[in-house]
Amino acid sequence: HEFSGGQRQRIAIARALVTRPKLIVAD
């Protein structure tokens, strides 16, 4: 709640990236 919407989506992207995936599905 301390972040803006764009920053929250960056957090969500960071969570997806942390395992170094080959594929990201973005809905």
mmCIF file of all heavy atoms, coordinates in Angstrom:
data_MODEL
# 
_entry.id   MODEL 
# 
loop_
_atom_site.group_PDB 
_atom_site.id 
_atom_site.type_symbol 
_atom_site.label_atom_id 
_atom_site.label_alt_id 
_atom_site.label_comp_id 
_atom_site.label_asym_id 
_atom_site.label_entity_id 
_atom_site.label_seq_id 
_atom_site.pdbx_PDB_ins_code 
_atom_site.Cartn_x 
_atom_site.Cartn_y 
_atom_site.Cartn_z 
_atom_site.occupancy 
_atom_site.B_iso_or_equiv 
_atom_site.pdbx_formal_charge 
_atom_site.auth_seq_id 
_atom_site.auth_comp_id 
_atom_site.auth_asym_id 
_atom_site.auth_atom_id 
_atom_site.pdbx_PDB_model_num 
ATOM 1   N N   . HIS A 1 1  ? 0.810  -1.218  0.000   1.00 0.00 ? 1  HIS A N   1 
ATOM 2   C CA  . HIS A 1 1  ? 0.000  0.000   0.000   1.00 0.00 ? 1  HIS A CA  1 
ATOM 3   C C   . HIS A 1 1  ? 0.846  1.271   0.000   1.00 0.00 ? 1  HIS A C   1 
ATOM 4   O O   . HIS A 1 1  ? 0.320  2.370   -0.244  1.00 0.00 ? 1  HIS A O   1 
ATOM 5   C CB  . HIS A 1 1  ? -0.950 0.013   1.209   1.00 0.00 ? 1  HIS A CB  1 
ATOM 6   C CG  . HIS A 1 1  ? -0.252 0.260   2.519   1.00 0.00 ? 1  HIS A CG  1 
ATOM 7   N ND1 . HIS A 1 1  ? 0.193  -0.771  3.324   1.00 0.00 ? 1  HIS A ND1 1 
ATOM 8   C CD2 . HIS A 1 1  ? 0.098  1.416   3.153   1.00 0.00 ? 1  HIS A CD2 1 
ATOM 9   C CE1 . HIS A 1 1  ? 0.775  -0.248  4.403   1.00 0.00 ? 1  HIS A CE1 1 
ATOM 10  N NE2 . HIS A 1 1  ? 0.727  1.066   4.318   1.00 0.00 ? 1  HIS A NE2 1 
ATOM 11  N N   . GLU A 1 2  ? 2.133  1.137   0.216   1.00 0.00 ? 2  GLU A N   1 
ATOM 12  C CA  . GLU A 1 2  ? 3.033  2.297   0.220   1.00 0.00 ? 2  GLU A CA  1 
ATOM 13  C C   . GLU A 1 2  ? 3.521  2.655   -1.184  1.00 0.00 ? 2  GLU A C   1 
ATOM 14  O O   . GLU A 1 2  ? 4.310  3.588   -1.339  1.00 0.00 ? 2  GLU A O   1 
ATOM 15  C CB  . GLU A 1 2  ? 4.220  2.036   1.141   1.00 0.00 ? 2  GLU A CB  1 
ATOM 16  C CG  . GLU A 1 2  ? 3.840  1.784   2.595   1.00 0.00 ? 2  GLU A CG  1 
ATOM 17  C CD  . GLU A 1 2  ? 5.049  1.524   3.476   1.00 0.00 ? 2  GLU A CD  1 
ATOM 18  O OE1 . GLU A 1 2  ? 5.849  2.452   3.659   1.00 0.00 ? 2  GLU A OE1 1 
ATOM 19  O OE2 . GLU A 1 2  ? 5.193  0.378   3.966   1.00 0.00 ? 2  GLU A OE2 1 
ATOM 20  N N   . PHE A 1 3  ? 3.046  1.938   -2.197  1.00 0.00 ? 3  PHE A N   1 
ATOM 21  C CA  . PHE A 1 3  ? 3.511  2.152   -3.562  1.00 0.00 ? 3  PHE A CA  1 
ATOM 22  C C   . PHE A 1 3  ? 2.361  2.555   -4.475  1.00 0.00 ? 3  PHE A C   1 
ATOM 23  O O   . PHE A 1 3  ? 1.198  2.237   -4.213  1.00 0.00 ? 3  PHE A O   1 
ATOM 24  C CB  . PHE A 1 3  ? 4.167  0.877   -4.110  1.00 0.00 ? 3  PHE A CB  1 
ATOM 25  C CG  . PHE A 1 3  ? 5.396  0.448   -3.357  1.00 0.00 ? 3  PHE A CG  1 
ATOM 26  C CD1 . PHE A 1 3  ? 5.302  -0.414  -2.277  1.00 0.00 ? 3  PHE A CD1 1 
ATOM 27  C CD2 . PHE A 1 3  ? 6.647  0.910   -3.727  1.00 0.00 ? 3  PHE A CD2 1 
ATOM 28  C CE1 . PHE A 1 3  ? 6.425  -0.809  -1.580  1.00 0.00 ? 3  PHE A CE1 1 
ATOM 29  C CE2 . PHE A 1 3  ? 7.785  0.516   -3.051  1.00 0.00 ? 3  PHE A CE2 1 
ATOM 30  C CZ  . PHE A 1 3  ? 7.678  -0.347  -1.973  1.00 0.00 ? 3  PHE A CZ  1 
ATOM 31  N N   . SER A 1 4  ? 2.717  3.220   -5.575  1.00 0.00 ? 4  SER A N   1 
ATOM 32  C CA  . SER A 1 4  ? 1.731  3.551   -6.606  1.00 0.00 ? 4  SER A CA  1 
ATOM 33  C C   . SER A 1 4  ? 1.390  2.306   -7.424  1.00 0.00 ? 4  SER A C   1 
ATOM 34  O O   . SER A 1 4  ? 2.043  1.259   -7.296  1.00 0.00 ? 4  SER A O   1 
ATOM 35  C CB  . SER A 1 4  ? 2.298  4.631   -7.532  1.00 0.00 ? 4  SER A CB  1 
ATOM 36  O OG  . SER A 1 4  ? 3.390  4.107   -8.278  1.00 0.00 ? 4  SER A OG  1 
ATOM 37  N N   . GLY A 1 5  ? 0.391  2.444   -8.310  1.00 0.00 ? 5  GLY A N   1 
ATOM 38  C CA  . GLY A 1 5  ? -0.004 1.312   -9.143  1.00 0.00 ? 5  GLY A CA  1 
ATOM 39  C C   . GLY A 1 5  ? 1.119  0.830   -10.044 1.00 0.00 ? 5  GLY A C   1 
ATOM 40  O O   . GLY A 1 5  ? 1.343  -0.373  -10.195 1.00 0.00 ? 5  GLY A O   1 
ATOM 41  N N   . GLY A 1 6  ? 1.848  1.769   -10.650 1.00 0.00 ? 6  GLY A N   1 
ATOM 42  C CA  . GLY A 1 6  ? 2.961  1.378   -11.509 1.00 0.00 ? 6  GLY A CA  1 
ATOM 43  C C   . GLY A 1 6  ? 4.071  0.684   -10.748 1.00 0.00 ? 6  GLY A C   1 
ATOM 44  O O   . GLY A 1 6  ? 4.662  -0.284  -11.230 1.00 0.00 ? 6  GLY A O   1 
ATOM 45  N N   . GLN A 1 7  ? 4.345  1.169   -9.536  1.00 0.00 ? 7  GLN A N   1 
ATOM 46  C CA  . GLN A 1 7  ? 5.371  0.527   -8.706  1.00 0.00 ? 7  GLN A CA  1 
ATOM 47  C C   . GLN A 1 7  ? 4.922  -0.865  -8.271  1.00 0.00 ? 7  GLN A C   1 
ATOM 48  O O   . GLN A 1 7  ? 5.739  -1.795  -8.207  1.00 0.00 ? 7  GLN A O   1 
ATOM 49  C CB  . GLN A 1 7  ? 5.670  1.394   -7.493  1.00 0.00 ? 7  GLN A CB  1 
ATOM 50  C CG  . GLN A 1 7  ? 6.425  2.675   -7.819  1.00 0.00 ? 7  GLN A CG  1 
ATOM 51  C CD  . GLN A 1 7  ? 6.537  3.597   -6.622  1.00 0.00 ? 7  GLN A CD  1 
ATOM 52  O OE1 . GLN A 1 7  ? 5.608  3.742   -5.834  1.00 0.00 ? 7  GLN A OE1 1 
ATOM 53  N NE2 . GLN A 1 7  ? 7.698  4.228   -6.469  1.00 0.00 ? 7  GLN A NE2 1 
ATOM 54  N N   . ARG A 1 8  ? 3.645  -1.026  -7.981  1.00 0.00 ? 8  ARG A N   1 
ATOM 55  C CA  . ARG A 1 8  ? 3.137  -2.354  -7.599  1.00 0.00 ? 8  ARG A CA  1 
ATOM 56  C C   . ARG A 1 8  ? 3.280  -3.338  -8.749  1.00 0.00 ? 8  ARG A C   1 
ATOM 57  O O   . ARG A 1 8  ? 3.605  -4.513  -8.535  1.00 0.00 ? 8  ARG A O   1 
ATOM 58  C CB  . ARG A 1 8  ? 1.679  -2.261  -7.171  1.00 0.00 ? 8  ARG A CB  1 
ATOM 59  C CG  . ARG A 1 8  ? 1.460  -1.500  -5.891  1.00 0.00 ? 8  ARG A CG  1 
ATOM 60  C CD  . ARG A 1 8  ? 0.025  -1.619  -5.438  1.00 0.00 ? 8  ARG A CD  1 
ATOM 61  N NE  . ARG A 1 8  ? -0.297 -0.590  -4.461  1.00 0.00 ? 8  ARG A NE  1 
ATOM 62  C CZ  . ARG A 1 8  ? -1.388 -0.595  -3.707  1.00 0.00 ? 8  ARG A CZ  1 
ATOM 63  N NH1 . ARG A 1 8  ? -2.260 -1.566  -3.832  1.00 0.00 ? 8  ARG A NH1 1 
ATOM 64  N NH2 . ARG A 1 8  ? -1.629 0.378   -2.855  1.00 0.00 ? 8  ARG A NH2 1 
ATOM 65  N N   . GLN A 1 9  ? 3.039  -2.861  -9.976  1.00 0.00 ? 9  GLN A N   1 
ATOM 66  C CA  . GLN A 1 9  ? 3.198  -3.772  -11.109 1.00 0.00 ? 9  GLN A CA  1 
ATOM 67  C C   . GLN A 1 9  ? 4.665  -4.110  -11.313 1.00 0.00 ? 9  GLN A C   1 
ATOM 68  O O   . GLN A 1 9  ? 5.002  -5.227  -11.729 1.00 0.00 ? 9  GLN A O   1 
ATOM 69  C CB  . GLN A 1 9  ? 2.590  -3.165  -12.375 1.00 0.00 ? 9  GLN A CB  1 
ATOM 70  C CG  . GLN A 1 9  ? 2.338  -4.163  -13.497 1.00 0.00 ? 9  GLN A CG  1 
ATOM 71  C CD  . GLN A 1 9  ? 1.344  -5.253  -13.130 1.00 0.00 ? 9  GLN A CD  1 
ATOM 72  O OE1 . GLN A 1 9  ? 1.595  -6.050  -12.210 1.00 0.00 ? 9  GLN A OE1 1 
ATOM 73  N NE2 . GLN A 1 9  ? 0.232  -5.311  -13.829 1.00 0.00 ? 9  GLN A NE2 1 
ATOM 74  N N   . ARG A 1 10 ? 5.575  -3.200  -10.991 1.00 0.00 ? 10 ARG A N   1 
ATOM 75  C CA  . ARG A 1 10 ? 7.006  -3.508  -11.031 1.00 0.00 ? 10 ARG A CA  1 
ATOM 76  C C   . ARG A 1 10 ? 7.341  -4.589  -10.002 1.00 0.00 ? 10 ARG A C   1 
ATOM 77  O O   . ARG A 1 10 ? 8.168  -5.472  -10.253 1.00 0.00 ? 10 ARG A O   1 
ATOM 78  C CB  . ARG A 1 10 ? 7.832  -2.247  -10.760 1.00 0.00 ? 10 ARG A CB  1 
ATOM 79  C CG  . ARG A 1 10 ? 7.834  -1.254  -11.910 1.00 0.00 ? 10 ARG A CG  1 
ATOM 80  C CD  . ARG A 1 10 ? 8.505  0.051   -11.526 1.00 0.00 ? 10 ARG A CD  1 
ATOM 81  N NE  . ARG A 1 10 ? 8.442  1.014   -12.606 1.00 0.00 ? 10 ARG A NE  1 
ATOM 82  C CZ  . ARG A 1 10 ? 9.409  1.223   -13.510 1.00 0.00 ? 10 ARG A CZ  1 
ATOM 83  N NH1 . ARG A 1 10 ? 10.528 0.527   -13.416 1.00 0.00 ? 10 ARG A NH1 1 
ATOM 84  N NH2 . ARG A 1 10 ? 9.264  2.102   -14.474 1.00 0.00 ? 10 ARG A NH2 1 
ATOM 85  N N   . ILE A 1 11 ? 6.702  -4.519  -8.838  1.00 0.00 ? 11 ILE A N   1 
ATOM 86  C CA  . ILE A 1 11 ? 6.898  -5.555  -7.815  1.00 0.00 ? 11 ILE A CA  1 
ATOM 87  C C   . ILE A 1 11 ? 6.414  -6.903  -8.336  1.00 0.00 ? 11 ILE A C   1 
ATOM 88  O O   . ILE A 1 11 ? 7.066  -7.937  -8.154  1.00 0.00 ? 11 ILE A O   1 
ATOM 89  C CB  . ILE A 1 11 ? 6.161  -5.172  -6.517  1.00 0.00 ? 11 ILE A CB  1 
ATOM 90  C CG1 . ILE A 1 11 ? 6.783  -3.914  -5.906  1.00 0.00 ? 11 ILE A CG1 1 
ATOM 91  C CG2 . ILE A 1 11 ? 6.182  -6.323  -5.517  1.00 0.00 ? 11 ILE A CG2 1 
ATOM 92  C CD1 . ILE A 1 11 ? 5.958  -3.288  -4.798  1.00 0.00 ? 11 ILE A CD1 1 
ATOM 93  N N   . ALA A 1 12 ? 5.242  -6.899  -9.000  1.00 0.00 ? 12 ALA A N   1 
ATOM 94  C CA  . ALA A 1 12 ? 4.703  -8.138  -9.560  1.00 0.00 ? 12 ALA A CA  1 
ATOM 95  C C   . ALA A 1 12 ? 5.636  -8.701  -10.630 1.00 0.00 ? 12 ALA A C   1 
ATOM 96  O O   . ALA A 1 12 ? 5.831  -9.922  -10.725 1.00 0.00 ? 12 ALA A O   1 
ATOM 97  C CB  . ALA A 1 12 ? 3.318  -7.885  -10.140 1.00 0.00 ? 12 ALA A CB  1 
ATOM 98  N N   . ILE A 1 13 ? 6.220  -7.831  -11.445 1.00 0.00 ? 13 ILE A N   1 
ATOM 99  C CA  . ILE A 1 13 ? 7.172  -8.274  -12.464 1.00 0.00 ? 13 ILE A CA  1 
ATOM 100 C C   . ILE A 1 13 ? 8.434  -8.828  -11.805 1.00 0.00 ? 13 ILE A C   1 
ATOM 101 O O   . ILE A 1 13 ? 8.991  -9.843  -12.237 1.00 0.00 ? 13 ILE A O   1 
ATOM 102 C CB  . ILE A 1 13 ? 7.503  -7.117  -13.428 1.00 0.00 ? 13 ILE A CB  1 
ATOM 103 C CG1 . ILE A 1 13 ? 6.258  -6.738  -14.235 1.00 0.00 ? 13 ILE A CG1 1 
ATOM 104 C CG2 . ILE A 1 13 ? 8.650  -7.497  -14.362 1.00 0.00 ? 13 ILE A CG2 1 
ATOM 105 C CD1 . ILE A 1 13 ? 6.402  -5.443  -15.017 1.00 0.00 ? 13 ILE A CD1 1 
ATOM 106 N N   . ALA A 1 14 ? 8.881  -8.168  -10.725 1.00 0.00 ? 14 ALA A N   1 
ATOM 107 C CA  . ALA A 1 14 ? 10.057 -8.663  -9.992  1.00 0.00 ? 14 ALA A CA  1 
ATOM 108 C C   . ALA A 1 14 ? 9.795  -10.055 -9.441  1.00 0.00 ? 14 ALA A C   1 
ATOM 109 O O   . ALA A 1 14 ? 10.672 -10.932 -9.480  1.00 0.00 ? 14 ALA A O   1 
ATOM 110 C CB  . ALA A 1 14 ? 10.406 -7.697  -8.859  1.00 0.00 ? 14 ALA A CB  1 
ATOM 111 N N   . ARG A 1 15 ? 8.600  -10.281 -8.909  1.00 0.00 ? 15 ARG A N   1 
ATOM 112 C CA  . ARG A 1 15 ? 8.248  -11.610 -8.383  1.00 0.00 ? 15 ARG A CA  1 
ATOM 113 C C   . ARG A 1 15 ? 8.304  -12.665 -9.495  1.00 0.00 ? 15 ARG A C   1 
ATOM 114 O O   . ARG A 1 15 ? 8.766  -13.788 -9.278  1.00 0.00 ? 15 ARG A O   1 
ATOM 115 C CB  . ARG A 1 15 ? 6.846  -11.575 -7.759  1.00 0.00 ? 15 ARG A CB  1 
ATOM 116 C CG  . ARG A 1 15 ? 6.387  -12.928 -7.236  1.00 0.00 ? 15 ARG A CG  1 
ATOM 117 C CD  . ARG A 1 15 ? 5.046  -12.820 -6.514  1.00 0.00 ? 15 ARG A CD  1 
ATOM 118 N NE  . ARG A 1 15 ? 4.004  -12.261 -7.367  1.00 0.00 ? 15 ARG A NE  1 
ATOM 119 C CZ  . ARG A 1 15 ? 2.769  -11.976 -6.929  1.00 0.00 ? 15 ARG A CZ  1 
ATOM 120 N NH1 . ARG A 1 15 ? 2.448  -12.185 -5.673  1.00 0.00 ? 15 ARG A NH1 1 
ATOM 121 N NH2 . ARG A 1 15 ? 1.878  -11.465 -7.765  1.00 0.00 ? 15 ARG A NH2 1 
ATOM 122 N N   . ALA A 1 16 ? 7.849  -12.298 -10.697 1.00 0.00 ? 16 ALA A N   1 
ATOM 123 C CA  . ALA A 1 16 ? 7.893  -13.241 -11.812 1.00 0.00 ? 16 ALA A CA  1 
ATOM 124 C C   . ALA A 1 16 ? 9.316  -13.492 -12.291 1.00 0.00 ? 16 ALA A C   1 
ATOM 125 O O   . ALA A 1 16 ? 9.649  -14.587 -12.751 1.00 0.00 ? 16 ALA A O   1 
ATOM 126 C CB  . ALA A 1 16 ? 7.037  -12.715 -12.967 1.00 0.00 ? 16 ALA A CB  1 
ATOM 127 N N   . LEU A 1 17 ? 10.175 -12.473 -12.166 1.00 0.00 ? 17 LEU A N   1 
ATOM 128 C CA  . LEU A 1 17 ? 11.539 -12.574 -12.692 1.00 0.00 ? 17 LEU A CA  1 
ATOM 129 C C   . LEU A 1 17 ? 12.513 -13.262 -11.744 1.00 0.00 ? 17 LEU A C   1 
ATOM 130 O O   . LEU A 1 17 ? 13.592 -13.684 -12.166 1.00 0.00 ? 17 LEU A O   1 
ATOM 131 C CB  . LEU A 1 17 ? 12.084 -11.173 -12.992 1.00 0.00 ? 17 LEU A CB  1 
ATOM 132 C CG  . LEU A 1 17 ? 11.761 -10.553 -14.343 1.00 0.00 ? 17 LEU A CG  1 
ATOM 133 C CD1 . LEU A 1 17 ? 12.262 -9.122  -14.368 1.00 0.00 ? 17 LEU A CD1 1 
ATOM 134 C CD2 . LEU A 1 17 ? 12.392 -11.352 -15.479 1.00 0.00 ? 17 LEU A CD2 1 
ATOM 135 N N   . VAL A 1 18 ? 12.162 -13.370 -10.465 1.00 0.00 ? 18 VAL A N   1 
ATOM 136 C CA  . VAL A 1 18 ? 13.148 -13.759 -9.458  1.00 0.00 ? 18 VAL A CA  1 
ATOM 137 C C   . VAL A 1 18 ? 13.702 -15.164 -9.669  1.00 0.00 ? 18 VAL A C   1 
ATOM 138 O O   . VAL A 1 18 ? 14.830 -15.459 -9.284  1.00 0.00 ? 18 VAL A O   1 
ATOM 139 C CB  . VAL A 1 18 ? 12.553 -13.605 -8.032  1.00 0.00 ? 18 VAL A CB  1 
ATOM 140 C CG1 . VAL A 1 18 ? 11.563 -14.725 -7.729  1.00 0.00 ? 18 VAL A CG1 1 
ATOM 141 C CG2 . VAL A 1 18 ? 13.648 -13.533 -6.978  1.00 0.00 ? 18 VAL A CG2 1 
ATOM 142 N N   . THR A 1 19 ? 12.949 -16.031 -10.346 1.00 0.00 ? 19 THR A N   1 
ATOM 143 C CA  . THR A 1 19 ? 13.447 -17.381 -10.621 1.00 0.00 ? 19 THR A CA  1 
ATOM 144 C C   . THR A 1 19 ? 14.195 -17.468 -11.955 1.00 0.00 ? 19 THR A C   1 
ATOM 145 O O   . THR A 1 19 ? 14.572 -18.556 -12.368 1.00 0.00 ? 19 THR A O   1 
ATOM 146 C CB  . THR A 1 19 ? 12.291 -18.395 -10.633 1.00 0.00 ? 19 THR A CB  1 
ATOM 147 O OG1 . THR A 1 19 ? 11.375 -18.045 -11.683 1.00 0.00 ? 19 THR A OG1 1 
ATOM 148 C CG2 . THR A 1 19 ? 11.553 -18.420 -9.301  1.00 0.00 ? 19 THR A CG2 1 
ATOM 149 N N   . ARG A 1 20 ? 14.365 -16.320 -12.622 1.00 0.00 ? 20 ARG A N   1 
ATOM 150 C CA  . ARG A 1 20 ? 15.009 -16.248 -13.941 1.00 0.00 ? 20 ARG A CA  1 
ATOM 151 C C   . ARG A 1 20 ? 14.289 -17.157 -14.937 1.00 0.00 ? 20 ARG A C   1 
ATOM 152 O O   . ARG A 1 20 ? 14.888 -18.052 -15.549 1.00 0.00 ? 20 ARG A O   1 
ATOM 153 C CB  . ARG A 1 20 ? 16.490 -16.627 -13.858 1.00 0.00 ? 20 ARG A CB  1 
ATOM 154 C CG  . ARG A 1 20 ? 17.336 -15.662 -13.060 1.00 0.00 ? 20 ARG A CG  1 
ATOM 155 C CD  . ARG A 1 20 ? 17.456 -14.321 -13.785 1.00 0.00 ? 20 ARG A CD  1 
ATOM 156 N NE  . ARG A 1 20 ? 18.331 -13.402 -13.065 1.00 0.00 ? 20 ARG A NE  1 
ATOM 157 C CZ  . ARG A 1 20 ? 17.916 -12.516 -12.170 1.00 0.00 ? 20 ARG A CZ  1 
ATOM 158 N NH1 . ARG A 1 20 ? 16.624 -12.444 -11.879 1.00 0.00 ? 20 ARG A NH1 1 
ATOM 159 N NH2 . ARG A 1 20 ? 18.759 -11.701 -11.568 1.00 0.00 ? 20 ARG A NH2 1 
ATOM 160 N N   . PRO A 1 21 ? 12.992 -16.919 -15.162 1.00 0.00 ? 21 PRO A N   1 
ATOM 161 C CA  . PRO A 1 21 ? 12.222 -17.804 -16.041 1.00 0.00 ? 21 PRO A CA  1 
ATOM 162 C C   . PRO A 1 21 ? 12.578 -17.616 -17.508 1.00 0.00 ? 21 PRO A C   1 
ATOM 163 O O   . PRO A 1 21 ? 13.059 -16.548 -17.918 1.00 0.00 ? 21 PRO A O   1 
ATOM 164 C CB  . PRO A 1 21 ? 10.775 -17.368 -15.774 1.00 0.00 ? 21 PRO A CB  1 
ATOM 165 C CG  . PRO A 1 21 ? 10.896 -15.919 -15.419 1.00 0.00 ? 21 PRO A CG  1 
ATOM 166 C CD  . PRO A 1 21 ? 12.183 -15.814 -14.639 1.00 0.00 ? 21 PRO A CD  1 
ATOM 167 N N   . LYS A 1 22 ? 12.326 -18.635 -18.289 1.00 0.00 ? 22 LYS A N   1 
ATOM 168 C CA  . LYS A 1 22 ? 12.463 -18.542 -19.740 1.00 0.00 ? 22 LYS A CA  1 
ATOM 169 C C   . LYS A 1 22 ? 11.215 -17.923 -20.357 1.00 0.00 ? 22 LYS A C   1 
ATOM 170 O O   . LYS A 1 22 ? 11.281 -17.318 -21.430 1.00 0.00 ? 22 LYS A O   1 
ATOM 171 C CB  . LYS A 1 22 ? 12.683 -19.936 -20.345 1.00 0.00 ? 22 LYS A CB  1 
ATOM 172 C CG  . LYS A 1 22 ? 13.921 -20.653 -19.831 1.00 0.00 ? 22 LYS A CG  1 
ATOM 173 C CD  . LYS A 1 22 ? 15.183 -19.933 -20.233 1.00 0.00 ? 22 LYS A CD  1 
ATOM 174 C CE  . LYS A 1 22 ? 16.416 -20.726 -19.806 1.00 0.00 ? 22 LYS A CE  1 
ATOM 175 N NZ  . LYS A 1 22 ? 17.668 -20.004 -20.116 1.00 0.00 ? 22 LYS A NZ  1 
ATOM 176 N N   . LEU A 1 23 ? 10.057 -18.098 -19.689 1.00 0.00 ? 23 LEU A N   1 
ATOM 177 C CA  . LEU A 1 23 ? 8.773  -17.642 -20.220 1.00 0.00 ? 23 LEU A CA  1 
ATOM 178 C C   . LEU A 1 23 ? 8.010  -16.874 -19.156 1.00 0.00 ? 23 LEU A C   1 
ATOM 179 O O   . LEU A 1 23 ? 7.935  -17.313 -17.999 1.00 0.00 ? 23 LEU A O   1 
ATOM 180 C CB  . LEU A 1 23 ? 7.931  -18.847 -20.683 1.00 0.00 ? 23 LEU A CB  1 
ATOM 181 C CG  . LEU A 1 23 ? 6.461  -18.574 -21.029 1.00 0.00 ? 23 LEU A CG  1 
ATOM 182 C CD1 . LEU A 1 23 ? 6.362  -17.753 -22.324 1.00 0.00 ? 23 LEU A CD1 1 
ATOM 183 C CD2 . LEU A 1 23 ? 5.703  -19.895 -21.168 1.00 0.00 ? 23 LEU A CD2 1 
ATOM 184 N N   . ILE A 1 24 ? 7.456  -15.723 -19.536 1.00 0.00 ? 24 ILE A N   1 
ATOM 185 C CA  . ILE A 1 24 ? 6.529  -14.990 -18.671 1.00 0.00 ? 24 ILE A CA  1 
ATOM 186 C C   . ILE A 1 24 ? 5.217  -14.821 -19.419 1.00 0.00 ? 24 ILE A C   1 
ATOM 187 O O   . ILE A 1 24 ? 5.194  -14.327 -20.558 1.00 0.00 ? 24 ILE A O   1 
ATOM 188 C CB  . ILE A 1 24 ? 7.087  -13.619 -18.256 1.00 0.00 ? 24 ILE A CB  1 
ATOM 189 C CG1 . ILE A 1 24 ? 8.245  -13.797 -17.272 1.00 0.00 ? 24 ILE A CG1 1 
ATOM 190 C CG2 . ILE A 1 24 ? 6.004  -12.746 -17.630 1.00 0.00 ? 24 ILE A CG2 1 
ATOM 191 C CD1 . ILE A 1 24 ? 8.857  -12.489 -16.791 1.00 0.00 ? 24 ILE A CD1 1 
ATOM 192 N N   . VAL A 1 25 ? 4.137  -15.248 -18.791 1.00 0.00 ? 25 VAL A N   1 
ATOM 193 C CA  . VAL A 1 25 ? 2.792  -15.031 -19.308 1.00 0.00 ? 25 VAL A CA  1 
ATOM 194 C C   . VAL A 1 25 ? 2.222  -13.822 -18.587 1.00 0.00 ? 25 VAL A C   1 
ATOM 195 O O   . VAL A 1 25 ? 2.106  -13.816 -17.357 1.00 0.00 ? 25 VAL A O   1 
ATOM 196 C CB  . VAL A 1 25 ? 1.897  -16.271 -19.083 1.00 0.00 ? 25 VAL A CB  1 
ATOM 197 C CG1 . VAL A 1 25 ? 0.466  -15.983 -19.536 1.00 0.00 ? 25 VAL A CG1 1 
ATOM 198 C CG2 . VAL A 1 25 ? 2.458  -17.472 -19.835 1.00 0.00 ? 25 VAL A CG2 1 
ATOM 199 N N   . ALA A 1 26 ? 1.913  -12.773 -19.332 1.00 0.00 ? 26 ALA A N   1 
ATOM 200 C CA  . ALA A 1 26 ? 1.405  -11.529 -18.748 1.00 0.00 ? 26 ALA A CA  1 
ATOM 201 C C   . ALA A 1 26 ? -0.037 -11.330 -19.195 1.00 0.00 ? 26 ALA A C   1 
ATOM 202 O O   . ALA A 1 26 ? -0.300 -11.132 -20.385 1.00 0.00 ? 26 ALA A O   1 
ATOM 203 C CB  . ALA A 1 26 ? 2.269  -10.348 -19.183 1.00 0.00 ? 26 ALA A CB  1 
ATOM 204 N N   . ASP A 1 27 ? -0.969 -11.394 -18.241 1.00 0.00 ? 27 ASP A N   1 
ATOM 205 C CA  . ASP A 1 27 ? -2.394 -11.274 -18.540 1.00 0.00 ? 27 ASP A CA  1 
ATOM 206 C C   . ASP A 1 27 ? -2.843 -9.843  -18.245 1.00 0.00 ? 27 ASP A C   1 
ATOM 207 O O   . ASP A 1 27 ? -3.001 -9.454  -17.093 1.00 0.00 ? 27 ASP A O   1 
ATOM 208 C CB  . ASP A 1 27 ? -3.191 -12.276 -17.689 1.00 0.00 ? 27 ASP A CB  1 
ATOM 209 C CG  . ASP A 1 27 ? -4.670 -12.316 -18.087 1.00 0.00 ? 27 ASP A CG  1 
ATOM 210 O OD1 . ASP A 1 27 ? -5.048 -11.629 -19.057 1.00 0.00 ? 27 ASP A OD1 1 
ATOM 211 O OD2 . ASP A 1 27 ? -5.434 -13.042 -17.423 1.00 0.00 ? 27 ASP A OD2 1 
# 
